[in-house]
Amino acid sequence: MNAHLPDIILEPLVRAALMEDLGQFGDVTTRAVVPAGTRYRARIVAREEGVVSGMQMARLAFKLVDPQLEISVLCEDGMTCNRGDVLMTIAGDAASILSGERVALNFAGRMAGIATMTAAFVSKAVGTQAKITCTRKTTPGLRVVEKQAVLHGGGSSHRFSLSDAILIKDNHIAAAGGIGPVLTAVRQNASHMVRVEIEVDRIDQLQEVLNVGGADVVLLDNMTTETLAEAVRLVGGRLVTEASGNMNLGRIAEVAATGVDFISVGALTHSSKVLDFGLDF
């Protein structure tokens, strides 16, 4: 997944948000109080520091409302901003600017919040081989842009959907009859083009995975730091290792130091704080 996506992929999401906000009758407030033909210059300003994301979405919001608006992005997605920095300027019809304002800010603030939290987690793993990755715990309908925001923050993307990789979790193992049967079934039924990850939460399960074979990645779920280190030693580079569960900011450095390859953090997309951006005329 690329950190910059073609507008054609993002446009349906922005268009749906505009339709939701404008409703059946458009911006009745602006239409009632702003004289037709009024022109203004506006700017999106950061009211706190962080990592910028969502500027592509914000630009699209204004352009879909009014293609004649003149827009300059001064702080691109993935760049850092300080309080007071001007991120974007918009010039043209005042009514158009006001009609696109909320959707533009909603996307920009939400995505920048994800990017900023991701950057904080990534900073804790500096000096190790561990990469911070997101999960499928995303807002329905917004996965592509939320995962894009993780990339803007320096993180990496886990599987995008159920269809692009096999991740065998505890319930799959239970339903299939155990680790041996589930890995045997994968070898018999899965395409050779699809990578296979399997979840374990105990060392004896990990040993069974190594004995049976058939997996490319092992997800080490809800393990203590000491157990994670033991698991990494046992794997010995034969599988890609991913740590998951209870991954808060205060714990990342010690988990990364165990030698795991990836640390997945659901909070990046389900618990990030919206960054405070505002639009000023």
C-alpha atoms as a PDB file:
ATOM      1  CA  MET A   1       0.000   0.000   0.000  1.00  0.00           C
ATOM      2  CA  ASN A   2       1.423   3.350  -1.070  1.00  0.00           C
ATOM      3  CA  ALA A   3       1.460   6.418   1.214  1.00  0.00           C
ATOM      4  CA  HIS A   4      -0.046   8.445  -1.649  1.00  0.00           C
ATOM      5  CA  LEU A   5      -3.137   7.066  -3.341  1.00  0.00           C
ATOM      6  CA  PRO A   6      -4.692   8.194  -6.628  1.00  0.00           C
ATOM      7  CA  ASP A   7      -7.528  10.677  -6.171  1.00  0.00           C
ATOM      8  CA  ILE A   8      -9.884   8.305  -7.980  1.00  0.00           C
ATOM      9  CA  ILE A   9      -9.637   5.852  -5.046  1.00  0.00           C
ATOM     10  CA  LEU A  10     -10.267   8.496  -2.384  1.00  0.00           C
ATOM     11  CA  GLU A  11     -12.906  10.520  -4.212  1.00  0.00           C
ATOM     12  CA  PRO A  12     -15.897   8.222  -3.427  1.00  0.00           C
ATOM     13  CA  LEU A  13     -15.137   8.478   0.315  1.00  0.00           C
ATOM     14  CA  VAL A  14     -14.965  12.271   0.206  1.00  0.00           C
ATOM     15  CA  ARG A  15     -18.034  12.539  -1.992  1.00  0.00           C
ATOM     16  CA  ALA A  16     -20.047  10.366   0.427  1.00  0.00           C
ATOM     17  CA  ALA A  17     -18.957  12.532   3.362  1.00  0.00           C
ATOM     18  CA  LEU A  18     -19.973  15.704   1.504  1.00  0.00           C
ATOM     19  CA  MET A  19     -23.374  14.242   0.650  1.00  0.00           C
ATOM     20  CA  GLU A  20     -23.861  13.319   4.295  1.00  0.00           C
ATOM     21  CA  ASP A  21     -22.949  16.834   5.456  1.00  0.00           C
ATOM     22  CA  LEU A  22     -24.785  18.837   2.806  1.00  0.00           C
ATOM     23  CA  GLY A  23     -27.961  16.791   3.141  1.00  0.00           C
ATOM     24  CA  GLN A  24     -30.906  17.341   0.819  1.00  0.00           C
ATOM     25  CA  PHE A  25     -30.762  21.115   0.622  1.00  0.00           C
ATOM     26  CA  GLY A  26     -27.083  22.063   0.840  1.00  0.00           C
ATOM     27  CA  ASP A  27     -25.563  24.624   3.209  1.00  0.00           C
ATOM     28  CA  VAL A  28     -28.678  26.627   4.130  1.00  0.00           C
ATOM     29  CA  THR A  29     -26.768  28.833   6.593  1.00  0.00           C
ATOM     30  CA  THR A  30     -24.220  30.008   4.061  1.00  0.00           C
ATOM     31  CA  ARG A  31     -26.842  30.452   1.384  1.00  0.00           C
ATOM     32  CA  ALA A  32     -28.910  32.637   3.737  1.00  0.00           C
ATOM     33  CA  VAL A  33     -26.184  34.945   5.068  1.00  0.00           C
ATOM     34  CA  VAL A  34     -23.295  35.107   2.571  1.00  0.00           C
ATOM     35  CA  PRO A  35     -23.934  37.321  -0.490  1.00  0.00           C
ATOM     36  CA  ALA A  36     -23.572  35.468  -3.794  1.00  0.00           C
ATOM     37  CA  GLY A  37     -20.227  36.063  -5.446  1.00  0.00           C
ATOM     38  CA  THR A  38     -18.376  36.847  -2.200  1.00  0.00           C
ATOM     39  CA  ARG A  39     -14.747  35.799  -2.494  1.00  0.00           C
ATOM     40  CA  TYR A  40     -12.340  35.035   0.343  1.00  0.00           C
ATOM     41  CA  ARG A  41      -9.004  33.455   1.110  1.00  0.00           C
ATOM     42  CA  ALA A  42      -8.962  30.871   3.903  1.00  0.00           C
ATOM     43  CA  ARG A  43      -6.306  28.734   5.490  1.00  0.00           C
ATOM     44  CA  ILE A  44      -6.177  25.509   7.458  1.00  0.00           C
ATOM     45  CA  VAL A  45      -4.058  26.067  10.548  1.00  0.00           C
ATOM     46  CA  ALA A  46      -2.582  23.536  12.990  1.00  0.00           C
ATOM     47  CA  ARG A  47      -3.588  24.295  16.569  1.00  0.00           C
ATOM     48  CA  GLU A  48      -1.217  21.686  17.946  1.00  0.00           C
ATOM     49  CA  GLU A  49       1.895  19.883  16.762  1.00  0.00           C
ATOM     50  CA  GLY A  50       1.856  16.502  15.109  1.00  0.00           C
ATOM     51  CA  VAL A  51       2.254  14.572  11.872  1.00  0.00           C
ATOM     52  CA  VAL A  52       0.109  15.773   8.993  1.00  0.00           C
ATOM     53  CA  SER A  53      -2.217  13.414   7.147  1.00  0.00           C
ATOM     54  CA  GLY A  54      -5.510  13.896   5.334  1.00  0.00           C
ATOM     55  CA  MET A  55      -4.409  16.885   3.256  1.00  0.00           C
ATOM     56  CA  GLN A  56      -5.136  14.966   0.071  1.00  0.00           C
ATOM     57  CA  MET A  57      -8.636  14.273   1.399  1.00  0.00           C
ATOM     58  CA  ALA A  58      -9.150  17.894   2.450  1.00  0.00           C
ATOM     59  CA  ARG A  59      -8.079  19.180  -0.971  1.00  0.00           C
ATOM     60  CA  LEU A  60     -10.494  16.762  -2.631  1.00  0.00           C
ATOM     61  CA  ALA A  61     -13.338  17.952  -0.395  1.00  0.00           C
ATOM     62  CA  PHE A  62     -12.933  21.545  -1.535  1.00  0.00           C
ATOM     63  CA  LYS A  63     -12.418  20.592  -5.190  1.00  0.00           C
ATOM     64  CA  LEU A  64     -15.545  18.439  -5.279  1.00  0.00           C
ATOM     65  CA  VAL A  65     -17.589  21.336  -3.898  1.00  0.00           C
ATOM     66  CA  ASP A  66     -16.061  23.813  -6.341  1.00  0.00           C
ATOM     67  CA  PRO A  67     -13.418  22.893  -8.949  1.00  0.00           C
ATOM     68  CA  GLN A  68     -12.655  26.620  -9.381  1.00  0.00           C
ATOM     69  CA  LEU A  69     -11.203  27.007  -5.889  1.00  0.00           C
ATOM     70  CA  GLU A  70      -7.465  27.731  -5.827  1.00  0.00           C
ATOM     71  CA  ILE A  71      -5.809  25.396  -3.326  1.00  0.00           C
ATOM     72  CA  SER A  72      -2.206  25.293  -2.170  1.00  0.00           C
ATOM     73  CA  VAL A  73      -1.010  22.540   0.153  1.00  0.00           C
ATOM     74  CA  LEU A  74       1.839  23.963   2.230  1.00  0.00           C
ATOM     75  CA  CYS A  75       2.392  20.954   4.493  1.00  0.00           C
ATOM     76  CA  GLU A  76       2.159  17.630   2.700  1.00  0.00           C
ATOM     77  CA  ASP A  77       0.931  14.366   4.203  1.00  0.00           C
ATOM     78  CA  GLY A  78       3.698  12.766   6.266  1.00  0.00           C
ATOM     79  CA  MET A  79       5.343  16.063   7.243  1.00  0.00           C
ATOM     80  CA  THR A  80       5.410  17.337  10.821  1.00  0.00           C
ATOM     81  CA  CYS A  81       3.668  20.519  11.865  1.00  0.00           C
ATOM     82  CA  ASN A  82       3.890  22.887  14.813  1.00  0.00           C
ATOM     83  CA  ARG A  83       1.151  24.866  16.482  1.00  0.00           C
ATOM     84  CA  GLY A  84       0.285  27.830  14.254  1.00  0.00           C
ATOM     85  CA  ASP A  85       1.600  26.348  11.011  1.00  0.00           C
ATOM     86  CA  VAL A  86      -0.499  27.011   7.910  1.00  0.00           C
ATOM     87  CA  LEU A  87      -1.134  23.663   6.222  1.00  0.00           C
ATOM     88  CA  MET A  88      -3.286  24.727   3.276  1.00  0.00           C
ATOM     89  CA  THR A  89      -4.682  27.868   1.673  1.00  0.00           C
ATOM     90  CA  ILE A  90      -7.987  27.991  -0.202  1.00  0.00           C
ATOM     91  CA  ALA A  91      -9.062  30.974  -2.312  1.00  0.00           C
ATOM     92  CA  GLY A  92     -12.271  31.606  -4.210  1.00  0.00           C
ATOM     93  CA  ASP A  93     -16.004  31.589  -3.625  1.00  0.00           C
ATOM     94  CA  ALA A  94     -16.689  32.013   0.107  1.00  0.00           C
ATOM     95  CA  ALA A  95     -19.800  29.840   0.019  1.00  0.00           C
ATOM     96  CA  SER A  96     -17.866  26.966  -1.531  1.00  0.00           C
ATOM     97  CA  ILE A  97     -15.137  27.192   1.093  1.00  0.00           C
ATOM     98  CA  LEU A  98     -17.672  27.181   3.924  1.00  0.00           C
ATOM     99  CA  SER A  99     -19.580  24.258   2.443  1.00  0.00           C
ATOM    100  CA  GLY A 100     -16.467  22.057   2.247  1.00  0.00           C
ATOM    101  CA  GLU A 101     -14.908  23.178   5.531  1.00  0.00           C
ATOM    102  CA  ARG A 102     -16.215  20.562   7.959  1.00  0.00           C
ATOM    103  CA  VAL A 103     -15.612  17.532   5.761  1.00  0.00           C
ATOM    104  CA  ALA A 104     -12.089  18.727   4.979  1.00  0.00           C
ATOM    105  CA  LEU A 105     -11.280  19.288   8.661  1.00  0.00           C
ATOM    106  CA  ASN A 106     -12.874  16.017   9.760  1.00  0.00           C
ATOM    107  CA  PHE A 107     -10.668  14.016   7.429  1.00  0.00           C
ATOM    108  CA  ALA A 108      -7.533  16.044   8.146  1.00  0.00           C
ATOM    109  CA  GLY A 109      -7.904  15.956  11.920  1.00  0.00           C
ATOM    110  CA  ARG A 110      -8.771  12.275  12.081  1.00  0.00           C
ATOM    111  CA  MET A 111      -5.977  11.123   9.784  1.00  0.00           C
ATOM    112  CA  ALA A 112      -3.380  13.411  11.371  1.00  0.00           C
ATOM    113  CA  GLY A 113      -4.312  11.992  14.762  1.00  0.00           C
ATOM    114  CA  ILE A 114      -3.602   8.470  13.503  1.00  0.00           C
ATOM    115  CA  ALA A 115      -0.326   9.539  11.886  1.00  0.00           C
ATOM    116  CA  THR A 116       0.761  11.356  15.036  1.00  0.00           C
ATOM    117  CA  MET A 117       0.036   8.388  17.313  1.00  0.00           C
ATOM    118  CA  THR A 118       1.812   6.072  14.883  1.00  0.00           C
ATOM    119  CA  ALA A 119       4.900   8.290  14.895  1.00  0.00           C
ATOM    120  CA  ALA A 120       4.963   8.172  18.693  1.00  0.00           C
ATOM    121  CA  PHE A 121       4.929   4.361  18.658  1.00  0.00           C
ATOM    122  CA  VAL A 122       7.533   4.194  15.882  1.00  0.00           C
ATOM    123  CA  SER A 123       9.881   6.443  17.883  1.00  0.00           C
ATOM    124  CA  LYS A 124       9.911   3.892  20.718  1.00  0.00           C
ATOM    125  CA  ALA A 125      11.219   1.160  18.418  1.00  0.00           C
ATOM    126  CA  VAL A 126      14.109   3.160  16.931  1.00  0.00           C
ATOM    127  CA  GLY A 127      17.351   1.180  16.978  1.00  0.00           C
ATOM    128  CA  THR A 128      15.622  -2.184  16.681  1.00  0.00           C
ATOM    129  CA  GLN A 129      14.391  -4.197  13.705  1.00  0.00           C
ATOM    130  CA  ALA A 130      10.780  -4.031  14.877  1.00  0.00           C
ATOM    131  CA  LYS A 131       8.230  -2.303  12.661  1.00  0.00           C
ATOM    132  CA  ILE A 132       5.002  -0.874  14.030  1.00  0.00           C
ATOM    133  CA  THR A 133       1.973  -2.074  12.102  1.00  0.00           C
ATOM    134  CA  CYS A 134      -1.763  -1.422  12.214  1.00  0.00           C
ATOM    135  CA  THR A 135      -4.626  -3.926  12.211  1.00  0.00           C
ATOM    136  CA  ARG A 136      -8.129  -4.290  10.744  1.00  0.00           C
ATOM    137  CA  LYS A 137      -9.593  -2.434  13.729  1.00  0.00           C
ATOM    138  CA  THR A 138     -10.541   0.503  11.538  1.00  0.00           C
ATOM    139  CA  THR A 139     -13.586   2.712  11.032  1.00  0.00           C
ATOM    140  CA  PRO A 140     -15.977   0.914   8.642  1.00  0.00           C
ATOM    141  CA  GLY A 141     -15.605   2.404   5.173  1.00  0.00           C
ATOM    142  CA  LEU A 142     -12.432   4.329   6.005  1.00  0.00           C
ATOM    143  CA  ARG A 143      -9.855   1.551   6.184  1.00  0.00           C
ATOM    144  CA  VAL A 144      -7.904   2.657   3.127  1.00  0.00           C
ATOM    145  CA  VAL A 145      -7.344   6.205   4.422  1.00  0.00           C
ATOM    146  CA  GLU A 146      -6.735   5.173   8.023  1.00  0.00           C
ATOM    147  CA  LYS A 147      -4.100   2.683   6.931  1.00  0.00           C
ATOM    148  CA  GLN A 148      -2.666   5.390   4.668  1.00  0.00           C
ATOM    149  CA  ALA A 149      -2.386   7.647   7.730  1.00  0.00           C
ATOM    150  CA  VAL A 150      -0.413   4.921   9.533  1.00  0.00           C
ATOM    151  CA  LEU A 151       2.073   4.970   6.646  1.00  0.00           C
ATOM    152  CA  HIS A 152       2.295   8.762   6.916  1.00  0.00           C
ATOM    153  CA  GLY A 153       3.276   8.298  10.561  1.00  0.00           C
ATOM    154  CA  GLY A 154       6.097   5.922   9.655  1.00  0.00           C
ATOM    155  CA  GLY A 155       4.278   2.678  10.404  1.00  0.00           C
ATOM    156  CA  SER A 156       3.519  -0.260   8.144  1.00  0.00           C
ATOM    157  CA  SER A 157       0.290  -1.920   7.082  1.00  0.00           C
ATOM    158  CA  HIS A 158      -0.905  -5.357   8.136  1.00  0.00           C
ATOM    159  CA  ARG A 159      -3.208  -7.284   5.783  1.00  0.00           C
ATOM    160  CA  PHE A 160      -5.818  -4.998   4.287  1.00  0.00           C
ATOM    161  CA  SER A 161      -8.746  -7.400   4.432  1.00  0.00           C
ATOM    162  CA  LEU A 162      -9.703 -11.019   5.012  1.00  0.00           C
ATOM    163  CA  SER A 163      -8.975 -11.717   1.343  1.00  0.00           C
ATOM    164  CA  ASP A 164      -5.288 -10.875   0.941  1.00  0.00           C
ATOM    165  CA  ALA A 165      -3.566 -13.073   3.559  1.00  0.00           C
ATOM    166  CA  ILE A 166      -4.325 -16.017   5.815  1.00  0.00           C
ATOM    167  CA  LEU A 167      -4.302 -15.301   9.538  1.00  0.00           C
ATOM    168  CA  ILE A 168      -5.192 -18.377  11.585  1.00  0.00           C
ATOM    169  CA  LYS A 169      -6.425 -17.272  15.014  1.00  0.00           C
ATOM    170  CA  ASP A 170      -7.369 -19.237  18.125  1.00  0.00           C
ATOM    171  CA  ASN A 171     -10.968 -19.759  17.006  1.00  0.00           C
ATOM    172  CA  HIS A 172      -9.824 -21.112  13.643  1.00  0.00           C
ATOM    173  CA  ILE A 173      -7.509 -23.539  15.450  1.00  0.00           C
ATOM    174  CA  ALA A 174     -10.333 -24.672  17.741  1.00  0.00           C
ATOM    175  CA  ALA A 175     -12.773 -25.111  14.846  1.00  0.00           C
ATOM    176  CA  ALA A 176     -10.241 -27.047  12.757  1.00  0.00           C
ATOM    177  CA  GLY A 177      -9.268 -29.399  15.584  1.00  0.00           C
ATOM    178  CA  GLY A 178      -5.832 -28.118  16.548  1.00  0.00           C
ATOM    179  CA  ILE A 179      -2.615 -26.642  15.203  1.00  0.00           C
ATOM    180  CA  GLY A 180      -1.629 -29.737  13.246  1.00  0.00           C
ATOM    181  CA  PRO A 181      -4.942 -30.107  11.403  1.00  0.00           C
ATOM    182  CA  VAL A 182      -5.277 -26.406  10.678  1.00  0.00           C
ATOM    183  CA  LEU A 183      -1.793 -26.141   9.150  1.00  0.00           C
ATOM    184  CA  THR A 184      -2.366 -29.330   7.158  1.00  0.00           C
ATOM    185  CA  ALA A 185      -5.606 -27.861   5.795  1.00  0.00           C
ATOM    186  CA  VAL A 186      -3.803 -24.666   4.809  1.00  0.00           C
ATOM    187  CA  ARG A 187      -1.182 -26.567   2.839  1.00  0.00           C
ATOM    188  CA  GLN A 188      -3.911 -28.508   1.026  1.00  0.00           C
ATOM    189  CA  ASN A 189      -6.287 -25.653   0.248  1.00  0.00           C
ATOM    190  CA  ALA A 190      -4.495 -22.298   0.140  1.00  0.00           C
ATOM    191  CA  SER A 191      -2.939 -20.763  -2.935  1.00  0.00           C
ATOM    192  CA  HIS A 192       0.837 -20.813  -3.046  1.00  0.00           C
ATOM    193  CA  MET A 193       0.623 -17.048  -3.596  1.00  0.00           C
ATOM    194  CA  VAL A 194      -0.901 -16.382  -0.156  1.00  0.00           C
ATOM    195  CA  ARG A 195       1.219 -15.974   2.962  1.00  0.00           C
ATOM    196  CA  VAL A 196       0.124 -17.763   6.130  1.00  0.00           C
ATOM    197  CA  GLU A 197       0.248 -16.402   9.669  1.00  0.00           C
ATOM    198  CA  ILE A 198      -0.807 -18.343  12.748  1.00  0.00           C
ATOM    199  CA  GLU A 199      -1.531 -17.080  16.241  1.00  0.00           C
ATOM    200  CA  VAL A 200      -0.104 -18.685  19.394  1.00  0.00           C
ATOM    201  CA  ASP A 201      -0.124 -17.570  23.001  1.00  0.00           C
ATOM    202  CA  ARG A 202       2.060 -20.253  24.577  1.00  0.00           C
ATOM    203  CA  ILE A 203       5.550 -21.606  23.922  1.00  0.00           C
ATOM    204  CA  ASP A 204       4.297 -25.190  23.519  1.00  0.00           C
ATOM    205  CA  GLN A 205       1.957 -24.002  20.744  1.00  0.00           C
ATOM    206  CA  LEU A 206       4.844 -22.240  19.036  1.00  0.00           C
ATOM    207  CA  GLN A 207       6.938 -25.419  19.199  1.00  0.00           C
ATOM    208  CA  GLU A 208       4.103 -27.344  17.566  1.00  0.00           C
ATOM    209  CA  VAL A 209       3.874 -24.756  14.765  1.00  0.00           C
ATOM    210  CA  LEU A 210       7.603 -25.137  14.127  1.00  0.00           C
ATOM    211  CA  ASN A 211       7.352 -28.923  14.156  1.00  0.00           C
ATOM    212  CA  VAL A 212       4.372 -29.107  11.775  1.00  0.00           C
ATOM    213  CA  GLY A 213       5.485 -26.356   9.356  1.00  0.00           C
ATOM    214  CA  GLY A 214       3.351 -24.573   6.809  1.00  0.00           C
ATOM    215  CA  ALA A 215       3.348 -21.073   8.317  1.00  0.00           C
ATOM    216  CA  ASP A 216       5.296 -18.029   7.170  1.00  0.00           C
ATOM    217  CA  VAL A 217       4.557 -15.756  10.115  1.00  0.00           C
ATOM    218  CA  VAL A 218       3.769 -16.417  13.751  1.00  0.00           C
ATOM    219  CA  LEU A 219       1.672 -14.007  15.802  1.00  0.00           C
ATOM    220  CA  LEU A 220       2.809 -14.047  19.429  1.00  0.00           C
ATOM    221  CA  ASP A 221      -0.342 -12.964  21.221  1.00  0.00           C
ATOM    222  CA  ASN A 222      -0.600 -11.477  24.720  1.00  0.00           C
ATOM    223  CA  MET A 223       2.765 -12.795  25.856  1.00  0.00           C
ATOM    224  CA  THR A 224       4.906 -11.284  28.572  1.00  0.00           C
ATOM    225  CA  THR A 225       8.079  -9.581  27.410  1.00  0.00           C
ATOM    226  CA  GLU A 226      10.146 -12.448  28.798  1.00  0.00           C
ATOM    227  CA  THR A 227       8.068 -15.015  26.915  1.00  0.00           C
ATOM    228  CA  LEU A 228       8.315 -12.972  23.722  1.00  0.00           C
ATOM    229  CA  ALA A 229      12.111 -13.010  23.981  1.00  0.00           C
ATOM    230  CA  GLU A 230      12.054 -16.790  24.516  1.00  0.00           C
ATOM    231  CA  ALA A 231       9.765 -17.197  21.510  1.00  0.00           C
ATOM    232  CA  VAL A 232      12.032 -15.158  19.248  1.00  0.00           C
ATOM    233  CA  ARG A 233      15.018 -17.273  20.302  1.00  0.00           C
ATOM    234  CA  LEU A 234      13.074 -20.468  19.624  1.00  0.00           C
ATOM    235  CA  VAL A 235      11.990 -19.304  16.156  1.00  0.00           C
ATOM    236  CA  GLY A 236      15.594 -18.467  15.320  1.00  0.00           C
ATOM    237  CA  GLY A 237      14.719 -16.585  12.146  1.00  0.00           C
ATOM    238  CA  ARG A 238      12.730 -19.448  10.599  1.00  0.00           C
ATOM    239  CA  LEU A 239       9.485 -17.437  10.668  1.00  0.00           C
ATOM    240  CA  VAL A 240       8.596 -13.764  10.697  1.00  0.00           C
ATOM    241  CA  THR A 241       7.551 -12.874  14.238  1.00  0.00           C
ATOM    242  CA  GLU A 242       4.766 -10.472  15.214  1.00  0.00           C
ATOM    243  CA  ALA A 243       3.955  -9.391  18.776  1.00  0.00           C
ATOM    244  CA  SER A 244       0.376  -8.399  19.530  1.00  0.00           C
ATOM    245  CA  GLY A 245      -1.870  -7.660  22.500  1.00  0.00           C
ATOM    246  CA  ASN A 246      -1.532  -5.059  25.276  1.00  0.00           C
ATOM    247  CA  MET A 247       0.799  -2.943  23.153  1.00  0.00           C
ATOM    248  CA  ASN A 248       0.732   0.464  24.809  1.00  0.00           C
ATOM    249  CA  LEU A 249       3.244   3.251  24.271  1.00  0.00           C
ATOM    250  CA  GLY A 250       5.074   2.564  27.525  1.00  0.00           C
ATOM    251  CA  ARG A 251       5.784  -1.050  26.578  1.00  0.00           C
ATOM    252  CA  ILE A 252       6.914  -0.762  22.966  1.00  0.00           C
ATOM    253  CA  ALA A 253      10.630  -0.234  23.620  1.00  0.00           C
ATOM    254  CA  GLU A 254      11.012  -3.403  25.673  1.00  0.00           C
ATOM    255  CA  VAL A 255       8.945  -5.459  23.241  1.00  0.00           C
ATOM    256  CA  ALA A 256      10.984  -4.186  20.292  1.00  0.00           C
ATOM    257  CA  ALA A 257      14.165  -5.119  22.143  1.00  0.00           C
ATOM    258  CA  THR A 258      13.128  -8.799  22.164  1.00  0.00           C
ATOM    259  CA  GLY A 259      13.947  -8.995  18.451  1.00  0.00           C
ATOM    260  CA  VAL A 260      10.419  -9.370  17.056  1.00  0.00           C
ATOM    261  CA  ASP A 261       9.971  -8.280  13.462  1.00  0.00           C
ATOM    262  CA  PHE A 262       6.584  -6.561  13.842  1.00  0.00           C
ATOM    263  CA  ILE A 263       4.489  -5.115  16.650  1.00  0.00           C
ATOM    264  CA  SER A 264       0.807  -4.757  15.777  1.00  0.00           C
ATOM    265  CA  VAL A 265      -1.137  -2.023  17.552  1.00  0.00           C
ATOM    266  CA  GLY A 266      -4.898  -1.798  17.109  1.00  0.00           C
ATOM    267  CA  ALA A 267      -5.003   1.485  19.020  1.00  0.00           C
ATOM    268  CA  LEU A 268      -3.404   3.316  16.090  1.00  0.00           C
ATOM    269  CA  THR A 269      -6.723   3.320  14.272  1.00  0.00           C
ATOM    270  CA  HIS A 270      -9.325   2.685  16.963  1.00  0.00           C
ATOM    271  CA  SER A 271      -8.122   4.961  19.770  1.00  0.00           C
ATOM    272  CA  SER A 272      -6.174   7.847  18.263  1.00  0.00           C
ATOM    273  CA  LYS A 273      -6.998  11.413  19.277  1.00  0.00           C
ATOM    274  CA  VAL A 274      -8.164  13.788  16.550  1.00  0.00           C
ATOM    275  CA  LEU A 275      -5.541  16.462  15.898  1.00  0.00           C
ATOM    276  CA  ASP A 276      -6.855  20.003  16.283  1.00  0.00           C
ATOM    277  CA  PHE A 277      -6.916  21.781  12.928  1.00  0.00           C
ATOM    278  CA  GLY A 278      -8.995  24.852  12.187  1.00  0.00           C
ATOM    279  CA  LEU A 279     -10.025  26.896   9.159  1.00  0.00           C
ATOM    280  CA  ASP A 280      -9.680  30.674   9.385  1.00  0.00           C
ATOM    281  CA  PHE A 281     -10.869  33.318   6.905  1.00  0.00           C
END
